Structure formats: structure tokens, C-alpha cells
Amino acid sequence: MLRSVLAFTLIVCAMLPACARDTDDAARAEDELKAITQEMLDAIAPGRAEVWEKYLDKDLIHVDETGKVRTKAELVAELVPLPPGLVGSLKVDAFRMSRHGDIAVVAHEDQEFLDYHGQELHSRFRSLDTWRKTPEGWRLIAQQTAAVLKDPPSIELPRETLCAYAGRYRLTDDIETAITCDGKGLVSRRADRPDTIYLPETEDVFFAPGAPRTRRYFQRDETGAVTGFADRREGEDIKWRRE
């Protein structure tokens, strides 16, 4: 029994330095990739294509926030300085890495600051990067970027205008929702679902806070009366009719 315990202890002790080395290597790789990522972001505004040329794998697949797919050559060709009147920068704000041998998968969020002809814009992007360690260093073999959406500003509508949307709306014979006007927005009540609050973006266009991918568009007839609404997501409409 004593020999078994001693043997197990020796095995664990022998493994500890290797575990420590693995941890140190992962930490160094994360620090290196975060620095490279920031270097690449810093190169975007001035159009320093040579920085991206250095770190991109020759067989890169890149998907940008619009869904466009590019090769390395196509992406590098688009890296030109911002036009006059625009001053921008990007900073890594969150960074997470998972290492799998010579492959590292990185998720990072970047904050963009853009002076657009005197008006300040603040956008945020989230990217998933796949890196491969080569004899020449880390090379980016794939990247997919998405814009981090946020709610639009809400306007105030007169209560009379707001309450004109109140009523019962039907999707099918079995599915309906009741809309009431409440405070500065609308409340949609549907059986077996939590109530949903909608705020006006413009007249006839509403959004649910925290769900910026969708809009609710109210529809009217030739007299101006509300006849229904469409729930729109990614350009596709689900139409409801007013009872």
C-alpha cells in the first residue's frame, strides 16, 4: 500500500512541471496573439496592408460583418487608408483563447471609435479567429466578424397615436396577441409567453429592447387605420392581421 502511494506521489510530482510549462505556454500564446490582434487592428485606419499580409495564411477564409467572404488577396487589397474626414481606431476590449496543439481559437471583442466628419460614432465588433502556429510564427487561417448590435434610440409618441395600435391581432386561427398602450410604449400579450414591451423607433416602427435584430412594422389601409403588423427579422416578415 505504501509503495502504491509513493509511486502515485512520484508520478504526480513528475507531471507538475509539465503542467506548469503547458500553462506558461498557453499564457504566452494568449499574450502574443492578443498583441498581434491589436497590431492588426492598429493597421486598419492607416491602411497598412503589409501588417495583415504578414499574419494572414495564404489560404485564409475571411467573413466580415456584412457576410461577405474573402480570400487573403481580396482582403489585403481592400486595406487602404480611411478617406479624408474620417479618423478612427480599434481597441481590443475582451479576449479569450482556447489552444489545441498548433491551433488556437480566439474570440475577441473590439471597440471602434470613429470621427465621421466631426460626428463621433462608437461601434463594437465580435470576431472568432482561428490561428495556426507555423515555423514562421502564428498565421490567421480563418476569421468571422459580426457587428455587436444595440438598441436604436426610442422616440416619444403622443398617447393618442400610441394607443391607436392597441387591439387584438391574429397570426392563425389559434394564435393571437393582444396589444395595449402603456407608458411610452406598447405591451404585447400572447398566451403562454411573457409579455413583451415595444418602444417606438419611428411612427409605425417598434422594437423590443434587447432584441435589436427584429422590428415590428404596423401597416395601415388607405384611410390610415392600422390593419396589422409584420414582425421582421433578417428582411423576412411574419404578418399578423388586426381583428
Protein backbone atom coordinates (compact mmCIF):
# COMPACT_ATOMS: atom_id res chain seq x y z
CA MET A 1 0.00 0.00 0.00
CA LEU A 2 2.81 2.38 0.96
CA ARG A 3 4.62 1.63 -2.28
CA SER A 4 1.48 2.40 -4.30
CA VAL A 5 1.02 5.76 -2.57
CA LEU A 6 4.70 6.59 -3.05
CA ALA A 7 4.56 5.65 -6.73
CA PHE A 8 1.45 7.79 -7.26
CA THR A 9 3.09 10.73 -5.48
CA LEU A 10 6.18 10.45 -7.67
CA ILE A 11 4.07 10.36 -10.82
CA VAL A 12 2.13 13.46 -9.77
CA CYS A 13 5.31 15.31 -8.87
CA ALA A 14 6.83 14.41 -12.22
CA MET A 15 3.78 15.73 -14.03
CA LEU A 16 3.60 19.06 -12.22
CA PRO A 17 6.49 20.75 -14.07
CA ALA A 18 4.98 19.68 -17.41
CA CYS A 19 1.60 21.05 -16.35
CA ALA A 20 3.23 24.28 -15.29
CA ARG A 21 5.04 24.52 -18.63
CA ASP A 22 1.78 23.93 -20.52
CA THR A 23 0.11 26.70 -18.52
CA ASP A 24 3.01 29.06 -19.15
CA ASP A 25 2.99 28.25 -22.88
CA ALA A 26 -0.75 28.90 -23.12
CA ALA A 27 -0.38 32.21 -21.30
CA ARG A 28 2.47 33.28 -23.57
CA ALA A 29 0.49 32.28 -26.67
CA GLU A 30 -2.54 34.25 -25.50
CA ASP A 31 -0.43 37.34 -24.78
CA GLU A 32 1.29 37.03 -28.17
CA LEU A 33 -1.95 36.62 -30.11
CA LYS A 34 -3.60 39.49 -28.27
CA ALA A 35 -0.64 41.74 -29.17
CA ILE A 36 -0.78 40.59 -32.81
CA THR A 37 -4.53 41.20 -32.93
CA GLN A 38 -4.08 44.75 -31.64
CA GLU A 39 -1.26 45.32 -34.15
CA MET A 40 -3.58 44.26 -36.96
CA LEU A 41 -6.38 46.49 -35.70
CA ASP A 42 -4.00 49.45 -35.47
CA ALA A 43 -3.10 48.88 -39.13
CA ILE A 44 -6.67 49.22 -40.44
CA ALA A 45 -7.23 53.00 -40.26
CA PRO A 46 -3.89 53.96 -41.91
CA GLY A 47 -4.28 51.12 -44.44
CA ARG A 48 -1.05 49.34 -43.54
CA ALA A 49 -1.75 46.25 -45.63
CA GLU A 50 1.73 44.83 -45.04
CA VAL A 51 0.83 44.05 -41.43
CA TRP A 52 -2.11 41.89 -42.49
CA GLU A 53 -0.07 40.40 -45.33
CA LYS A 54 2.43 39.19 -42.73
CA TYR A 55 -0.02 37.44 -40.41
CA LEU A 56 -2.61 36.06 -42.84
CA ASP A 57 -2.28 32.48 -44.01
CA LYS A 58 -2.18 32.10 -47.79
CA ASP A 59 -5.38 30.01 -47.65
CA LEU A 60 -7.27 32.36 -45.32
CA ILE A 61 -11.08 32.36 -45.33
CA HIS A 62 -12.46 35.66 -44.04
CA VAL A 63 -16.11 36.54 -43.40
CA ASP A 64 -16.83 40.17 -42.48
CA GLU A 65 -19.76 41.73 -40.59
CA THR A 66 -21.79 42.05 -43.83
CA GLY A 67 -21.42 38.34 -44.57
CA LYS A 68 -19.01 38.84 -47.46
CA VAL A 69 -16.45 36.03 -47.90
CA ARG A 70 -12.92 36.98 -48.93
CA THR A 71 -9.59 35.36 -49.70
CA LYS A 72 -6.32 36.72 -48.39
CA ALA A 73 -5.63 38.59 -51.64
CA GLU A 74 -9.11 40.14 -51.68
CA LEU A 75 -8.88 41.24 -48.05
CA VAL A 76 -5.40 42.73 -48.35
CA ALA A 77 -6.42 44.64 -51.49
CA GLU A 78 -9.18 46.41 -49.53
CA LEU A 79 -6.86 47.62 -46.76
CA VAL A 80 -6.40 51.26 -47.75
CA PRO A 81 -6.25 54.41 -45.58
CA LEU A 82 -9.51 55.94 -44.37
CA PRO A 83 -10.73 58.73 -46.68
CA PRO A 84 -10.35 62.41 -45.70
CA GLY A 85 -12.76 63.45 -42.96
CA LEU A 86 -12.65 60.10 -41.18
CA VAL A 87 -10.44 59.39 -38.16
CA GLY A 88 -10.77 56.01 -36.50
CA SER A 89 -9.22 53.45 -34.19
CA LEU A 90 -9.99 49.96 -32.88
CA LYS A 91 -9.05 48.57 -29.48
CA VAL A 92 -9.25 45.01 -28.18
CA ASP A 93 -11.68 45.09 -25.26
CA ALA A 94 -12.22 41.39 -24.49
CA PHE A 95 -10.05 38.41 -25.44
CA ARG A 96 -10.40 34.66 -24.89
CA MET A 97 -8.24 31.85 -26.30
CA SER A 98 -8.50 28.06 -26.48
CA ARG A 99 -5.33 26.16 -27.50
CA HIS A 100 -5.35 22.84 -29.36
CA GLY A 101 -1.76 21.93 -30.18
CA ASP A 102 -0.63 24.15 -33.05
CA ILE A 103 -4.15 25.59 -33.41
CA ALA A 104 -5.54 28.43 -31.29
CA VAL A 105 -9.14 29.60 -31.41
CA VAL A 106 -9.68 33.17 -30.24
CA ALA A 107 -12.86 35.11 -29.51
CA HIS A 108 -12.36 38.85 -29.10
CA GLU A 109 -14.49 41.98 -28.94
CA ASP A 110 -13.16 45.23 -30.35
CA GLN A 111 -14.37 48.77 -29.69
CA GLU A 112 -14.29 51.13 -32.66
CA PHE A 113 -14.04 54.90 -32.29
CA LEU A 114 -14.76 56.82 -35.46
CA ASP A 115 -14.84 60.56 -36.07
CA TYR A 116 -17.06 60.82 -39.14
CA HIS A 117 -16.72 64.38 -40.42
CA GLY A 118 -16.95 65.76 -36.89
CA GLN A 119 -19.54 63.30 -35.55
CA GLU A 120 -18.43 60.61 -33.10
CA LEU A 121 -19.53 57.02 -33.71
CA HIS A 122 -18.91 54.10 -31.35
CA SER A 123 -19.31 50.61 -32.77
CA ARG A 124 -18.41 47.20 -31.41
CA PHE A 125 -17.39 44.04 -33.24
CA ARG A 126 -17.00 40.42 -32.17
CA SER A 127 -14.63 38.10 -34.05
CA LEU A 128 -13.85 34.39 -33.94
CA ASP A 129 -10.30 33.77 -35.19
CA THR A 130 -8.51 30.51 -35.90
CA TRP A 131 -4.70 30.68 -35.75
CA ARG A 132 -2.07 28.09 -36.72
CA LYS A 133 1.44 28.05 -35.27
CA THR A 134 3.99 27.71 -38.07
CA PRO A 135 7.82 27.82 -38.10
CA GLU A 136 7.46 31.48 -39.17
CA GLY A 137 5.07 32.29 -36.30
CA TRP A 138 1.29 32.50 -35.85
CA ARG A 139 -0.80 32.73 -39.01
CA LEU A 140 -4.50 33.52 -39.20
CA ILE A 141 -6.29 30.81 -41.19
CA ALA A 142 -9.92 31.88 -40.62
CA GLN A 143 -11.85 34.82 -39.23
CA GLN A 144 -15.53 35.60 -38.90
CA THR A 145 -16.61 39.01 -37.64
CA ALA A 146 -20.04 40.20 -36.53
CA ALA A 147 -21.25 43.63 -35.52
CA VAL A 148 -22.47 43.72 -31.92
CA LEU A 149 -25.94 45.16 -32.36
CA LYS A 150 -27.54 47.56 -29.91
CA ASP A 151 -30.98 49.04 -29.49
CA PRO A 152 -31.82 52.14 -31.53
CA PRO A 153 -32.87 55.35 -29.79
CA SER A 154 -36.55 55.50 -28.92
CA ILE A 155 -38.82 58.45 -29.72
CA GLU A 156 -41.86 59.69 -27.82
CA LEU A 157 -45.28 59.44 -29.43
CA PRO A 158 -48.44 61.22 -28.25
CA ARG A 159 -50.62 58.87 -26.21
CA GLU A 160 -53.41 59.14 -28.79
CA THR A 161 -51.02 57.97 -31.53
CA LEU A 162 -49.60 55.23 -29.32
CA CYS A 163 -52.99 53.86 -28.29
CA ALA A 164 -54.15 53.68 -31.91
CA TYR A 165 -52.08 50.49 -32.16
CA ALA A 166 -53.94 48.81 -29.28
CA GLY A 167 -56.12 45.85 -30.18
CA ARG A 168 -56.11 42.15 -30.92
CA TYR A 169 -54.01 40.73 -33.74
CA ARG A 170 -54.12 37.23 -35.19
CA LEU A 171 -51.43 35.11 -36.87
CA THR A 172 -53.58 31.99 -37.32
CA ASP A 173 -56.97 30.84 -36.08
CA ASP A 174 -55.21 29.55 -32.95
CA ILE A 175 -52.51 32.18 -32.38
CA GLU A 176 -53.27 35.73 -31.36
CA THR A 177 -51.73 38.56 -29.37
CA ALA A 178 -53.28 41.47 -27.52
CA ILE A 179 -51.54 44.85 -27.67
CA THR A 180 -52.09 47.60 -25.14
CA CYS A 181 -50.55 51.06 -24.84
CA ASP A 182 -48.61 51.54 -21.65
CA GLY A 183 -46.44 54.49 -20.70
CA LYS A 184 -44.07 55.27 -23.59
CA GLY A 185 -44.56 52.03 -25.49
CA LEU A 186 -46.73 49.03 -26.22
CA VAL A 187 -47.20 45.74 -24.38
CA SER A 188 -47.80 42.61 -26.41
CA ARG A 189 -49.53 39.76 -24.54
CA ARG A 190 -49.58 36.26 -26.02
CA ALA A 191 -50.79 33.10 -24.32
CA ASP A 192 -48.11 31.04 -22.55
CA ARG A 193 -45.42 33.66 -23.20
CA PRO A 194 -44.03 36.53 -21.12
CA ASP A 195 -45.30 39.99 -22.00
CA THR A 196 -43.10 41.86 -24.47
CA ILE A 197 -42.56 45.63 -24.35
CA TYR A 198 -42.13 47.50 -27.64
CA LEU A 199 -40.78 51.04 -27.93
CA PRO A 200 -41.25 53.34 -30.95
CA GLU A 201 -38.23 53.85 -33.20
CA THR A 202 -40.38 55.92 -35.58
CA GLU A 203 -44.12 56.11 -36.08
CA ASP A 204 -45.35 52.64 -37.10
CA VAL A 205 -41.93 51.04 -36.39
CA PHE A 206 -41.29 49.49 -32.94
CA PHE A 207 -38.52 47.42 -31.35
CA ALA A 208 -38.25 45.20 -28.29
CA PRO A 209 -35.38 46.35 -26.03
CA GLY A 210 -32.59 43.78 -26.05
CA ALA A 211 -33.64 42.30 -29.41
CA PRO A 212 -32.10 44.67 -31.99
CA ARG A 213 -32.30 42.10 -34.82
CA THR A 214 -36.08 42.44 -35.04
CA ARG A 215 -38.61 45.19 -35.77
CA ARG A 216 -42.40 45.36 -35.64
CA TYR A 217 -43.87 47.31 -38.58
CA PHE A 218 -47.51 48.36 -38.29
CA GLN A 219 -49.50 48.52 -41.51
CA ARG A 220 -52.35 50.83 -42.49
CA ASP A 221 -55.09 50.97 -45.11
CA GLU A 222 -55.85 53.86 -47.46
CA THR A 223 -57.76 55.67 -44.68
CA GLY A 224 -54.80 55.49 -42.29
CA ALA A 225 -56.34 52.88 -39.99
CA VAL A 226 -54.00 50.25 -38.54
CA THR A 227 -54.77 46.89 -40.17
CA GLY A 228 -51.99 44.69 -38.85
CA PHE A 229 -48.26 44.41 -38.34
CA ALA A 230 -45.26 42.48 -39.61
CA ASP A 231 -42.55 41.06 -37.38
CA ARG A 232 -39.36 41.43 -39.42
CA ARG A 233 -36.05 39.65 -38.86
CA GLU A 234 -33.21 39.50 -41.41
CA GLY A 235 -35.53 41.01 -44.01
CA GLU A 236 -38.21 38.34 -43.63
CA ASP A 237 -41.72 39.26 -42.47
CA ILE A 238 -44.26 37.33 -40.39
CA LYS A 239 -47.59 39.09 -40.90
CA TRP A 240 -50.38 39.50 -38.37
CA ARG A 241 -53.86 40.89 -39.12
CA ARG A 242 -55.91 43.07 -36.84
CA GLU A 243 -59.30 41.79 -35.71
